[in-house]
C-alpha atoms as a PDB file:
ATOM      1  CA  MET A   1     -67.174 -56.644  39.589  1.00  0.00           C
ATOM      2  CA  LYS A   2     -70.058 -54.572  38.222  1.00  0.00           C
ATOM      3  CA  LEU A   3     -71.385 -51.699  40.326  1.00  0.00           C
ATOM      4  CA  PHE A   4     -74.832 -53.318  40.476  1.00  0.00           C
ATOM      5  CA  ASP A   5     -73.291 -56.444  42.050  1.00  0.00           C
ATOM      6  CA  VAL A   6     -71.446 -54.305  44.618  1.00  0.00           C
ATOM      7  CA  LEU A   7     -74.656 -52.507  45.584  1.00  0.00           C
ATOM      8  CA  GLN A   8     -76.501 -55.792  46.105  1.00  0.00           C
ATOM      9  CA  THR A   9     -74.089 -56.896  48.846  1.00  0.00           C
ATOM     10  CA  HIS A  10     -73.140 -53.511  50.354  1.00  0.00           C
ATOM     11  CA  SER A  11     -74.263 -52.876  53.952  1.00  0.00           C
ATOM     12  CA  VAL A  12     -75.922 -49.563  53.062  1.00  0.00           C
ATOM     13  CA  PHE A  13     -77.511 -50.418  49.704  1.00  0.00           C
ATOM     14  CA  ALA A  14     -78.431 -54.105  50.139  1.00  0.00           C
ATOM     15  CA  SER A  15     -81.799 -53.212  51.703  1.00  0.00           C
ATOM     16  CA  LEU A  16     -82.953 -51.440  48.543  1.00  0.00           C
ATOM     17  CA  GLU A  17     -85.208 -53.065  45.982  1.00  0.00           C
ATOM     18  CA  GLU A  18     -83.463 -54.519  42.950  1.00  0.00           C
ATOM     19  CA  GLU A  19     -84.892 -51.835  40.664  1.00  0.00           C
ATOM     20  CA  GLU A  20     -83.577 -49.149  43.040  1.00  0.00           C
ATOM     21  CA  GLN A  21     -80.114 -50.710  42.996  1.00  0.00           C
ATOM     22  CA  MET A  22     -80.256 -50.772  39.201  1.00  0.00           C
ATOM     23  CA  TYR A  23     -81.316 -47.114  39.219  1.00  0.00           C
ATOM     24  CA  LEU A  24     -78.255 -46.223  41.304  1.00  0.00           C
ATOM     25  CA  ALA A  25     -75.926 -48.274  39.124  1.00  0.00           C
ATOM     26  CA  GLN A  26     -77.214 -46.548  36.006  1.00  0.00           C
ATOM     27  CA  HIS A  27     -77.003 -43.026  37.470  1.00  0.00           C
ATOM     28  CA  ALA A  28     -73.595 -43.274  39.154  1.00  0.00           C
ATOM     29  CA  ARG A  29     -70.606 -41.371  37.821  1.00  0.00           C
ATOM     30  CA  VAL A  30     -67.756 -43.874  38.034  1.00  0.00           C
ATOM     31  CA  HIS A  31     -64.471 -41.968  38.063  1.00  0.00           C
ATOM     32  CA  PRO A  32     -60.841 -43.129  38.418  1.00  0.00           C
ATOM     33  CA  TYR A  33     -58.356 -40.999  40.373  1.00  0.00           C
ATOM     34  CA  GLN A  34     -54.574 -41.120  40.384  1.00  0.00           C
ATOM     35  CA  LYS A  35     -52.585 -40.874  43.632  1.00  0.00           C
ATOM     36  CA  GLY A  36     -52.663 -37.270  44.852  1.00  0.00           C
ATOM     37  CA  GLU A  37     -55.564 -36.268  42.587  1.00  0.00           C
ATOM     38  CA  VAL A  38     -58.181 -34.145  44.351  1.00  0.00           C
ATOM     39  CA  VAL A  39     -61.803 -35.254  44.497  1.00  0.00           C
ATOM     40  CA  ALA A  40     -63.151 -32.126  46.220  1.00  0.00           C
ATOM     41  CA  VAL A  41     -61.605 -29.092  47.902  1.00  0.00           C
ATOM     42  CA  GLN A  42     -62.071 -27.838  51.464  1.00  0.00           C
ATOM     43  CA  GLY A  43     -64.475 -24.887  51.442  1.00  0.00           C
ATOM     44  CA  ASP A  44     -66.433 -26.053  48.393  1.00  0.00           C
ATOM     45  CA  GLU A  45     -70.150 -26.695  48.470  1.00  0.00           C
ATOM     46  CA  TRP A  46     -70.110 -30.346  47.408  1.00  0.00           C
ATOM     47  CA  PRO A  47     -73.571 -32.009  47.412  1.00  0.00           C
ATOM     48  CA  HIS A  48     -72.411 -35.508  46.511  1.00  0.00           C
ATOM     49  CA  LEU A  49     -71.932 -38.960  48.029  1.00  0.00           C
ATOM     50  CA  PHE A  50     -69.342 -41.473  46.903  1.00  0.00           C
ATOM     51  CA  LEU A  51     -68.675 -45.184  47.333  1.00  0.00           C
ATOM     52  CA  ILE A  52     -65.069 -46.346  47.005  1.00  0.00           C
ATOM     53  CA  LEU A  53     -64.794 -49.215  44.535  1.00  0.00           C
ATOM     54  CA  LYS A  54     -61.000 -49.389  44.647  1.00  0.00           C
ATOM     55  CA  GLY A  55     -58.131 -47.685  46.501  1.00  0.00           C
ATOM     56  CA  GLU A  56     -58.156 -45.144  49.328  1.00  0.00           C
ATOM     57  CA  ILE A  57     -59.312 -41.560  49.748  1.00  0.00           C
ATOM     58  CA  GLN A  58     -57.885 -39.390  52.523  1.00  0.00           C
ATOM     59  CA  ALA A  59     -59.545 -36.406  54.155  1.00  0.00           C
ATOM     60  CA  VAL A  60     -57.081 -33.577  54.829  1.00  0.00           C
ATOM     61  CA  LYS A  61     -57.786 -30.475  56.930  1.00  0.00           C
ATOM     62  CA  VAL A  62     -55.714 -27.396  56.043  1.00  0.00           C
ATOM     63  CA  SER A  63     -55.318 -24.493  58.491  1.00  0.00           C
ATOM     64  CA  PRO A  64     -55.254 -20.820  57.412  1.00  0.00           C
ATOM     65  CA  GLU A  65     -51.473 -20.953  57.961  1.00  0.00           C
ATOM     66  CA  GLY A  66     -51.192 -23.847  55.504  1.00  0.00           C
ATOM     67  CA  ARG A  67     -50.576 -26.679  57.986  1.00  0.00           C
ATOM     68  CA  ALA A  68     -52.221 -29.969  57.009  1.00  0.00           C
ATOM     69  CA  LEU A  69     -53.815 -32.624  59.217  1.00  0.00           C
ATOM     70  CA  MET A  70     -54.810 -35.963  57.698  1.00  0.00           C
ATOM     71  CA  VAL A  71     -58.127 -36.480  59.487  1.00  0.00           C
ATOM     72  CA  THR A  72     -58.974 -39.976  58.260  1.00  0.00           C
ATOM     73  CA  THR A  73     -58.701 -42.405  55.366  1.00  0.00           C
ATOM     74  CA  PHE A  74     -61.600 -44.111  53.614  1.00  0.00           C
ATOM     75  CA  SER A  75     -60.995 -47.510  51.985  1.00  0.00           C
ATOM     76  CA  ARG A  76     -62.750 -49.859  49.579  1.00  0.00           C
ATOM     77  CA  ASN A  77     -66.537 -50.140  50.147  1.00  0.00           C
ATOM     78  CA  GLU A  78     -66.605 -47.112  52.464  1.00  0.00           C
ATOM     79  CA  ILE A  79     -68.871 -44.124  51.854  1.00  0.00           C
ATOM     80  CA  PHE A  80     -68.388 -40.384  52.268  1.00  0.00           C
ATOM     81  CA  TRP A  81     -70.710 -37.447  51.645  1.00  0.00           C
ATOM     82  CA  GLY A  82     -70.289 -33.681  51.739  1.00  0.00           C
ATOM     83  CA  PRO A  83     -72.358 -31.676  54.274  1.00  0.00           C
ATOM     84  CA  ALA A  84     -74.170 -30.008  51.348  1.00  0.00           C
ATOM     85  CA  PHE A  85     -75.530 -33.429  50.421  1.00  0.00           C
ATOM     86  CA  PHE A  86     -77.999 -33.008  53.293  1.00  0.00           C
ATOM     87  CA  GLU A  87     -78.061 -29.213  53.775  1.00  0.00           C
ATOM     88  CA  GLU A  88     -77.590 -26.679  51.001  1.00  0.00           C
ATOM     89  CA  GLY A  89     -74.968 -24.027  51.646  1.00  0.00           C
ATOM     90  CA  LEU A  90     -72.819 -26.084  54.011  1.00  0.00           C
ATOM     91  CA  LEU A  91     -69.169 -26.200  52.971  1.00  0.00           C
ATOM     92  CA  LEU A  92     -66.828 -29.166  52.837  1.00  0.00           C
ATOM     93  CA  PRO A  93     -64.606 -29.115  55.985  1.00  0.00           C
ATOM     94  CA  VAL A  94     -61.773 -31.143  54.417  1.00  0.00           C
ATOM     95  CA  THR A  95     -60.051 -31.701  51.092  1.00  0.00           C
ATOM     96  CA  LEU A  96     -60.590 -35.177  49.661  1.00  0.00           C
ATOM     97  CA  GLU A  97     -57.733 -36.661  47.657  1.00  0.00           C
ATOM     98  CA  ALA A  98     -56.595 -40.084  46.488  1.00  0.00           C
ATOM     99  CA  ALA A  99     -54.065 -41.639  48.873  1.00  0.00           C
ATOM    100  CA  GLN A 100     -53.430 -44.243  46.159  1.00  0.00           C
ATOM    101  CA  PRO A 101     -55.008 -44.941  42.753  1.00  0.00           C
ATOM    102  CA  ALA A 102     -58.741 -45.132  43.395  1.00  0.00           C
ATOM    103  CA  THR A 103     -62.071 -45.543  41.635  1.00  0.00           C
ATOM    104  CA  LEU A 104     -65.233 -43.935  42.995  1.00  0.00           C
ATOM    105  CA  ALA A 105     -68.924 -44.270  42.239  1.00  0.00           C
ATOM    106  CA  ILE A 106     -70.338 -40.776  42.779  1.00  0.00           C
ATOM    107  CA  TRP A 107     -73.969 -39.731  43.093  1.00  0.00           C
ATOM    108  CA  SER A 108     -75.456 -36.250  43.360  1.00  0.00           C
ATOM    109  CA  ARG A 109     -78.032 -35.325  45.974  1.00  0.00           C
ATOM    110  CA  ALA A 110     -80.661 -35.085  43.232  1.00  0.00           C
ATOM    111  CA  VAL A 111     -80.136 -38.732  42.286  1.00  0.00           C
ATOM    112  CA  LEU A 112     -80.209 -40.132  45.828  1.00  0.00           C
ATOM    113  CA  GLU A 113     -82.812 -37.850  47.413  1.00  0.00           C
ATOM    114  CA  PRO A 114     -85.856 -39.927  46.332  1.00  0.00           C
ATOM    115  CA  LEU A 115     -84.396 -42.980  48.066  1.00  0.00           C
ATOM    116  CA  LEU A 116     -83.508 -41.003  51.194  1.00  0.00           C
ATOM    117  CA  VAL A 117     -87.014 -39.566  51.466  1.00  0.00           C
ATOM    118  CA  LYS A 118     -88.459 -43.034  51.041  1.00  0.00           C
ATOM    119  CA  GLY A 119     -86.252 -44.169  53.920  1.00  0.00           C
ATOM    120  CA  GLY A 120     -84.589 -47.145  52.279  1.00  0.00           C
ATOM    121  CA  ILE A 121     -81.041 -46.122  53.123  1.00  0.00           C
ATOM    122  CA  GLY A 122     -81.560 -43.285  55.602  1.00  0.00           C
ATOM    123  CA  TRP A 123     -81.183 -45.527  58.675  1.00  0.00           C
ATOM    124  CA  ALA A 124     -78.054 -47.192  57.304  1.00  0.00           C
ATOM    125  CA  LEU A 125     -76.447 -43.789  56.644  1.00  0.00           C
ATOM    126  CA  ALA A 126     -77.365 -42.645  60.167  1.00  0.00           C
ATOM    127  CA  ARG A 127     -75.565 -45.668  61.642  1.00  0.00           C
ATOM    128  CA  LEU A 128     -72.601 -44.997  59.385  1.00  0.00           C
ATOM    129  CA  MET A 129     -72.481 -41.396  60.623  1.00  0.00           C
ATOM    130  CA  LEU A 130     -72.226 -42.702  64.197  1.00  0.00           C
ATOM    131  CA  GLN A 131     -69.213 -44.850  63.237  1.00  0.00           C
ATOM    132  CA  TYR A 132     -67.520 -41.839  61.638  1.00  0.00           C
ATOM    133  CA  MET A 133     -68.168 -39.726  64.743  1.00  0.00           C
ATOM    134  CA  LEU A 134     -66.561 -42.387  66.938  1.00  0.00           C
ATOM    135  CA  ARG A 135     -63.580 -42.566  64.570  1.00  0.00           C
ATOM    136  CA  ALA A 136     -63.193 -38.781  64.748  1.00  0.00           C
ATOM    137  CA  ASN A 137     -63.414 -38.906  68.547  1.00  0.00           C
ATOM    138  CA  ILE A 138     -60.425 -41.277  68.698  1.00  0.00           C
ATOM    139  CA  LEU A 139     -58.389 -38.884  66.554  1.00  0.00           C
ATOM    140  CA  LEU A 140     -59.347 -35.879  68.703  1.00  0.00           C
ATOM    141  CA  GLU A 141     -58.407 -37.734  71.885  1.00  0.00           C
ATOM    142  CA  ARG A 142     -54.975 -38.554  70.488  1.00  0.00           C
ATOM    143  CA  LEU A 143     -54.356 -34.983  69.357  1.00  0.00           C
ATOM    144  CA  ALA A 144     -55.599 -33.500  72.618  1.00  0.00           C
ATOM    145  CA  PHE A 145     -54.060 -35.860  75.144  1.00  0.00           C
ATOM    146  CA  GLN A 146     -51.136 -37.733  73.571  1.00  0.00           C
ATOM    147  CA  PRO A 147     -47.687 -36.240  72.950  1.00  0.00           C
ATOM    148  CA  VAL A 148     -46.181 -36.387  69.473  1.00  0.00           C
ATOM    149  CA  THR A 149     -43.951 -39.334  70.427  1.00  0.00           C
ATOM    150  CA  ALA A 150     -46.989 -41.441  71.349  1.00  0.00           C
ATOM    151  CA  ARG A 151     -48.888 -40.451  68.194  1.00  0.00           C
ATOM    152  CA  LEU A 152     -45.909 -41.325  65.995  1.00  0.00           C
ATOM    153  CA  ALA A 153     -45.364 -44.617  67.830  1.00  0.00           C
ATOM    154  CA  HIS A 154     -49.017 -45.508  67.247  1.00  0.00           C
ATOM    155  CA  LEU A 155     -48.775 -44.690  63.526  1.00  0.00           C
ATOM    156  CA  LEU A 156     -45.642 -46.807  63.136  1.00  0.00           C
ATOM    157  CA  LEU A 157     -47.237 -49.737  64.965  1.00  0.00           C
ATOM    158  CA  GLU A 158     -50.241 -49.603  62.628  1.00  0.00           C
ATOM    159  CA  HIS A 159     -47.910 -49.899  59.647  1.00  0.00           C
ATOM    160  CA  PHE A 160     -45.815 -52.669  61.227  1.00  0.00           C
ATOM    161  CA  GLN A 161     -48.965 -54.642  62.083  1.00  0.00           C
ATOM    162  CA  ALA A 162     -50.045 -54.542  58.436  1.00  0.00           C
ATOM    163  CA  THR A 163     -47.097 -56.757  57.501  1.00  0.00           C
ATOM    164  CA  GLU A 164     -45.301 -59.727  59.037  1.00  0.00           C
ATOM    165  CA  SER A 165     -41.913 -58.238  58.204  1.00  0.00           C
ATOM    166  CA  PRO A 166     -40.032 -56.244  60.873  1.00  0.00           C
ATOM    167  CA  ALA A 167     -39.136 -53.733  58.154  1.00  0.00           C
ATOM    168  CA  ILE A 168     -41.558 -51.419  56.356  1.00  0.00           C
ATOM    169  CA  PRO A 169     -40.720 -49.223  53.370  1.00  0.00           C
ATOM    170  CA  ARG A 170     -40.775 -45.440  53.849  1.00  0.00           C
ATOM    171  CA  THR A 171     -43.766 -44.889  51.598  1.00  0.00           C
ATOM    172  CA  LEU A 172     -44.870 -41.754  53.477  1.00  0.00           C
ATOM    173  CA  THR A 173     -42.909 -38.521  53.293  1.00  0.00           C
ATOM    174  CA  LEU A 174     -42.137 -36.548  56.450  1.00  0.00           C
ATOM    175  CA  ASP A 175     -44.848 -34.063  55.460  1.00  0.00           C
ATOM    176  CA  GLU A 176     -47.386 -36.885  55.045  1.00  0.00           C
ATOM    177  CA  ILE A 177     -46.486 -38.347  58.441  1.00  0.00           C
ATOM    178  CA  ALA A 178     -46.782 -34.878  59.990  1.00  0.00           C
ATOM    179  CA  ALA A 179     -50.236 -34.467  58.463  1.00  0.00           C
ATOM    180  CA  ARG A 180     -51.355 -37.783  59.950  1.00  0.00           C
ATOM    181  CA  ILE A 181     -50.281 -36.993  63.522  1.00  0.00           C
ATOM    182  CA  GLY A 182     -50.872 -33.232  63.614  1.00  0.00           C
ATOM    183  CA  THR A 183     -47.372 -31.776  63.769  1.00  0.00           C
ATOM    184  CA  THR A 184     -44.578 -30.508  61.481  1.00  0.00           C
ATOM    185  CA  ARG A 185     -42.006 -32.371  59.381  1.00  0.00           C
ATOM    186  CA  GLU A 186     -39.197 -31.038  61.589  1.00  0.00           C
ATOM    187  CA  VAL A 187     -40.803 -32.503  64.702  1.00  0.00           C
ATOM    188  CA  VAL A 188     -41.404 -35.806  62.902  1.00  0.00           C
ATOM    189  CA  CYS A 189     -37.731 -35.977  61.927  1.00  0.00           C
ATOM    190  CA  ARG A 190     -36.553 -35.282  65.491  1.00  0.00           C
ATOM    191  CA  THR A 191     -39.006 -37.792  66.957  1.00  0.00           C
ATOM    192  CA  LEU A 192     -37.987 -40.552  64.564  1.00  0.00           C
ATOM    193  CA  TYR A 193     -34.386 -40.208  65.634  1.00  0.00           C
ATOM    194  CA  TYR A 194     -35.481 -39.995  69.281  1.00  0.00           C
ATOM    195  CA  LEU A 195     -37.077 -43.436  68.821  1.00  0.00           C
ATOM    196  CA  ALA A 196     -33.983 -44.691  67.033  1.00  0.00           C
ATOM    197  CA  ASP A 197     -31.663 -43.436  69.795  1.00  0.00           C
ATOM    198  CA  ARG A 198     -33.699 -45.471  72.267  1.00  0.00           C
ATOM    199  CA  ASN A 199     -33.406 -48.607  70.137  1.00  0.00           C
ATOM    200  CA  MET A 200     -37.118 -48.898  69.388  1.00  0.00           C
ATOM    201  CA  ILE A 201     -36.671 -48.578  65.631  1.00  0.00           C
ATOM    202  CA  GLU A 202     -33.915 -48.247  63.070  1.00  0.00           C
ATOM    203  CA  VAL A 203     -34.223 -45.542  60.427  1.00  0.00           C
ATOM    204  CA  THR A 204     -32.631 -45.985  57.017  1.00  0.00           C
ATOM    205  CA  ARG A 205     -33.037 -44.008  53.817  1.00  0.00           C
ATOM    206  CA  THR A 206     -35.662 -46.455  52.543  1.00  0.00           C
ATOM    207  CA  GLU A 207     -37.051 -48.330  55.572  1.00  0.00           C
ATOM    208  CA  PHE A 208     -38.186 -48.263  59.176  1.00  0.00           C
ATOM    209  CA  ILE A 209     -37.060 -51.388  61.034  1.00  0.00           C
ATOM    210  CA  LEU A 210     -38.849 -52.502  64.197  1.00  0.00           C
ATOM    211  CA  VAL A 211     -36.422 -53.292  67.041  1.00  0.00           C
ATOM    212  CA  ASP A 212     -38.497 -53.102  70.229  1.00  0.00           C
ATOM    213  CA  ARG A 213     -42.208 -53.702  69.624  1.00  0.00           C
ATOM    214  CA  GLU A 214     -43.122 -53.727  73.330  1.00  0.00           C
ATOM    215  CA  GLY A 215     -41.252 -50.494  73.963  1.00  0.00           C
ATOM    216  CA  LEU A 216     -42.985 -48.833  71.033  1.00  0.00           C
ATOM    217  CA  LYS A 217     -46.348 -50.183  72.207  1.00  0.00           C
ATOM    218  CA  HIS A 218     -45.829 -48.836  75.741  1.00  0.00           C
ATOM    219  CA  LEU A 219     -44.914 -45.455  74.288  1.00  0.00           C
ATOM    220  CA  ALA A 220     -48.005 -45.430  72.080  1.00  0.00           C
ATOM    221  CA  GLU A 221     -50.187 -46.257  75.086  1.00  0.00           C
ATOM    222  CA  GLY A 222     -48.575 -43.547  77.156  1.00  0.00           C
ATOM    223  CA  SER A 223     -47.202 -45.997  79.698  1.00  0.00           C
END
Protein backbone atom coordinates (compact mmCIF):
# COMPACT_ATOMS: atom_id res chain seq x y z
CA MET A 1 0.00 0.00 0.00
CA LYS A 2 1.29 3.47 -0.89
CA LEU A 3 2.12 5.87 1.93
CA PHE A 4 -0.48 8.36 0.67
CA ASP A 5 -3.19 5.68 1.02
CA VAL A 6 -2.03 4.90 4.57
CA LEU A 7 -2.19 8.57 5.55
CA GLN A 8 -5.74 8.91 4.22
CA THR A 9 -7.07 6.28 6.64
CA HIS A 10 -4.73 6.81 9.62
CA SER A 11 -6.33 8.13 12.83
CA VAL A 12 -3.83 10.99 13.14
CA PHE A 13 -3.49 12.06 9.50
CA ALA A 14 -6.99 11.40 8.11
CA SER A 15 -8.22 14.85 9.19
CA LEU A 16 -5.70 16.60 6.94
CA GLU A 17 -6.60 17.97 3.53
CA GLU A 18 -5.70 15.76 0.59
CA GLU A 19 -2.97 18.14 -0.55
CA GLU A 20 -1.47 18.06 2.96
CA GLN A 21 -1.47 14.26 2.95
CA MET A 22 0.24 14.34 -0.45
CA TYR A 23 2.79 16.80 0.93
CA LEU A 24 3.61 14.39 3.77
CA ALA A 25 3.83 11.41 1.43
CA GLN A 26 6.24 13.27 -0.82
CA HIS A 27 8.45 14.53 2.02
CA ALA A 28 8.67 11.33 4.08
CA ARG A 29 11.90 9.37 4.33
CA VAL A 30 10.80 5.75 4.02
CA HIS A 31 13.49 3.53 5.52
CA PRO A 32 13.68 -0.25 6.07
CA TYR A 33 15.35 -1.63 9.21
CA GLN A 34 16.60 -5.13 9.92
CA LYS A 35 15.96 -6.81 13.29
CA GLY A 36 18.25 -5.26 15.90
CA GLU A 37 19.10 -2.22 13.75
CA VAL A 38 19.04 1.05 15.69
CA VAL A 39 16.78 3.90 14.61
CA ALA A 40 18.00 6.43 17.21
CA VAL A 41 20.19 6.28 20.30
CA GLN A 42 19.34 7.24 23.88
CA GLY A 43 20.86 10.65 24.65
CA ASP A 44 20.68 11.93 21.07
CA GLU A 45 18.80 15.06 20.12
CA TRP A 46 16.38 13.52 17.62
CA PRO A 47 13.81 15.99 16.21
CA HIS A 48 11.84 13.49 14.14
CA LEU A 49 8.51 11.65 14.08
CA PHE A 50 7.95 8.25 12.53
CA LEU A 51 5.00 6.13 11.45
CA ILE A 52 5.50 2.36 11.38
CA LEU A 53 4.47 0.91 8.03
CA LYS A 54 5.63 -2.62 8.82
CA GLY A 55 7.14 -4.52 11.76
CA GLU A 56 7.83 -3.43 15.34
CA ILE A 57 10.10 -0.91 17.02
CA GLN A 58 11.04 -1.30 20.68
CA ALA A 59 12.07 1.45 23.07
CA VAL A 60 14.90 0.37 25.38
CA LYS A 61 16.15 2.30 28.42
CA VAL A 62 19.78 1.66 29.38
CA SER A 63 21.09 2.51 32.87
CA PRO A 64 24.58 3.95 33.51
CA GLU A 65 25.57 0.45 34.70
CA GLY A 66 24.51 -1.01 31.35
CA ARG A 67 21.27 -2.71 32.44
CA ALA A 68 18.50 -2.57 29.83
CA LEU A 69 14.75 -2.18 30.31
CA MET A 70 12.43 -2.66 27.33
CA VAL A 71 9.98 0.17 28.01
CA THR A 72 7.45 -0.50 25.26
CA THR A 73 6.97 -1.76 21.72
CA PHE A 74 5.40 0.17 18.86
CA SER A 75 3.66 -1.79 16.08
CA ARG A 76 2.28 -1.17 12.60
CA ASN A 77 0.44 2.17 12.22
CA GLU A 78 1.75 3.49 15.55
CA ILE A 79 3.63 6.78 15.84
CA PHE A 80 6.61 7.87 17.91
CA TRP A 81 8.44 11.19 18.16
CA GLY A 82 11.58 12.35 19.95
CA PRO A 83 11.24 15.08 22.63
CA ALA A 84 13.33 17.39 20.41
CA PHE A 85 10.53 17.22 17.85
CA PHE A 86 8.63 19.67 20.06
CA GLU A 87 11.43 21.29 22.10
CA GLU A 88 14.95 21.87 20.85
CA GLY A 89 17.71 20.57 23.09
CA LEU A 90 15.70 17.79 24.72
CA LEU A 91 17.40 14.40 24.49
CA LEU A 92 15.92 11.05 23.56
CA PRO A 93 15.26 9.07 26.80
CA VAL A 94 15.38 5.64 25.12
CA THR A 95 17.13 3.82 22.30
CA LEU A 96 14.82 2.87 19.43
CA GLU A 97 15.60 -0.36 17.61
CA ALA A 98 13.81 -2.81 15.33
CA ALA A 99 12.33 -5.73 17.27
CA GLN A 100 11.75 -7.40 13.89
CA PRO A 101 12.25 -6.28 10.28
CA ALA A 102 10.46 -2.94 10.01
CA THR A 103 9.77 -0.09 7.61
CA LEU A 104 9.29 3.46 8.86
CA ALA A 105 8.07 6.69 7.31
CA ILE A 106 10.11 9.41 9.01
CA TRP A 107 9.51 13.16 9.00
CA SER A 108 11.65 15.94 10.44
CA ARG A 109 10.23 18.69 12.61
CA ALA A 110 10.79 21.17 9.78
CA VAL A 111 8.49 19.18 7.48
CA LEU A 112 5.66 18.71 9.98
CA GLU A 113 5.81 22.03 11.83
CA PRO A 114 3.57 23.95 9.37
CA LEU A 115 0.81 21.38 9.87
CA LEU A 116 1.23 21.40 13.66
CA VAL A 117 1.00 25.19 13.81
CA LYS A 118 -2.10 25.09 11.65
CA GLY A 119 -3.59 22.63 14.14
CA GLY A 120 -4.61 19.88 11.75
CA ILE A 121 -2.92 17.07 13.64
CA GLY A 122 -2.01 18.73 16.94
CA TRP A 123 -5.14 17.49 18.76
CA ALA A 124 -4.71 13.94 17.46
CA LEU A 125 -1.08 13.87 18.67
CA ALA A 126 -2.17 15.20 22.08
CA ARG A 127 -4.65 12.33 22.44
CA LEU A 128 -1.98 9.89 21.34
CA MET A 129 0.37 11.26 24.00
CA LEU A 130 -2.29 10.52 26.64
CA GLN A 131 -2.49 6.89 25.47
CA TYR A 132 1.30 6.56 25.70
CA MET A 133 1.29 8.04 29.22
CA LEU A 134 -1.32 5.51 30.32
CA ARG A 135 0.72 2.69 28.76
CA ALA A 136 3.82 3.89 30.63
CA ASN A 137 1.84 4.08 33.87
CA ILE A 138 0.92 0.38 33.59
CA LEU A 139 4.59 -0.52 33.14
CA LEU A 140 5.65 1.61 36.13
CA GLU A 141 2.98 0.02 38.32
CA ARG A 142 4.21 -3.46 37.43
CA LEU A 143 7.84 -2.57 38.10
CA ALA A 144 7.04 -0.80 41.36
CA PHE A 145 4.49 -3.15 42.87
CA GLN A 146 4.77 -6.60 41.27
CA PRO A 147 7.50 -9.14 42.06
CA VAL A 148 9.57 -10.60 39.24
CA THR A 149 7.54 -13.84 39.26
CA ALA A 150 4.33 -11.92 38.55
CA ARG A 151 5.94 -9.81 35.82
CA LEU A 152 7.35 -12.90 34.11
CA ALA A 153 4.03 -14.73 34.42
CA HIS A 154 2.28 -11.77 32.78
CA LEU A 155 4.80 -11.69 29.91
CA LEU A 156 4.40 -15.42 29.29
CA LEU A 157 0.60 -15.15 29.31
CA GLU A 158 0.75 -12.37 26.71
CA HIS A 159 2.76 -14.64 24.43
CA PHE A 160 0.53 -17.68 25.05
CA GLN A 161 -2.59 -15.60 24.32
CA ALA A 162 -1.16 -14.61 20.94
CA THR A 163 -1.44 -18.21 19.75
CA GLU A 164 -3.92 -21.06 20.19
CA SER A 165 -1.12 -23.54 20.78
CA PRO A 166 -0.11 -24.42 24.36
CA ALA A 167 3.52 -24.23 23.23
CA ILE A 168 5.37 -21.09 22.16
CA PRO A 169 8.85 -20.98 20.65
CA ARG A 170 11.65 -19.37 22.69
CA THR A 171 12.10 -16.44 20.34
CA LEU A 172 13.33 -14.13 23.12
CA THR A 173 16.72 -14.60 24.75
CA LEU A 174 17.08 -14.47 28.53
CA ASP A 175 18.58 -10.98 28.19
CA GLU A 176 15.60 -9.83 26.09
CA ILE A 177 13.13 -11.22 28.63
CA ALA A 178 15.08 -9.52 31.43
CA ALA A 179 14.90 -6.21 29.57
CA ARG A 180 11.13 -6.54 29.22
CA ILE A 181 10.45 -7.16 32.92
CA GLY A 182 13.22 -5.08 34.50
CA THR A 183 15.56 -7.68 35.97
CA THR A 184 18.67 -9.72 35.07
CA ARG A 185 19.09 -12.85 32.94
CA GLU A 186 20.11 -14.85 36.02
CA VAL A 187 16.88 -13.96 37.80
CA VAL A 188 14.87 -14.78 34.68
CA CYS A 189 16.50 -18.21 34.48
CA ARG A 190 15.79 -18.97 38.16
CA THR A 191 12.20 -17.75 37.87
CA LEU A 192 11.48 -19.83 34.78
CA TYR A 193 12.53 -22.96 36.60
CA TYR A 194 10.58 -21.84 39.68
CA LEU A 195 7.46 -21.80 37.47
CA ALA A 196 8.41 -25.15 35.98
CA ASP A 197 8.93 -26.73 39.41
CA ARG A 198 5.39 -25.69 40.30
CA ASN A 199 3.99 -27.26 37.14
CA MET A 200 2.78 -24.00 35.60
CA ILE A 201 4.99 -24.31 32.53
CA GLU A 202 7.46 -26.70 30.97
CA VAL A 203 10.78 -25.34 29.75
CA THR A 204 12.61 -27.00 26.88
CA ARG A 205 15.58 -25.84 24.84
CA THR A 206 13.28 -24.46 22.13
CA GLU A 207 9.84 -23.94 23.71
CA PHE A 208 7.77 -22.85 26.68
CA ILE A 209 4.78 -25.14 27.20
CA LEU A 210 1.74 -23.94 29.14
CA VAL A 211 0.62 -26.45 31.79
CA ASP A 212 -1.49 -24.46 34.26
CA ARG A 213 -3.01 -21.32 32.72
CA GLU A 214 -5.12 -20.47 35.78
CA GLY A 215 -2.15 -20.84 38.11
CA LEU A 216 -0.04 -18.61 35.90
CA LYS A 217 -2.88 -16.08 35.67
CA HIS A 218 -3.30 -15.97 39.47
CA LEU A 219 0.44 -15.44 39.83
CA ALA A 220 0.41 -12.62 37.27
CA GLU A 221 -2.47 -10.95 39.12
CA GLY A 222 -0.69 -11.29 42.44
CA SER A 223 -3.38 -13.53 43.89
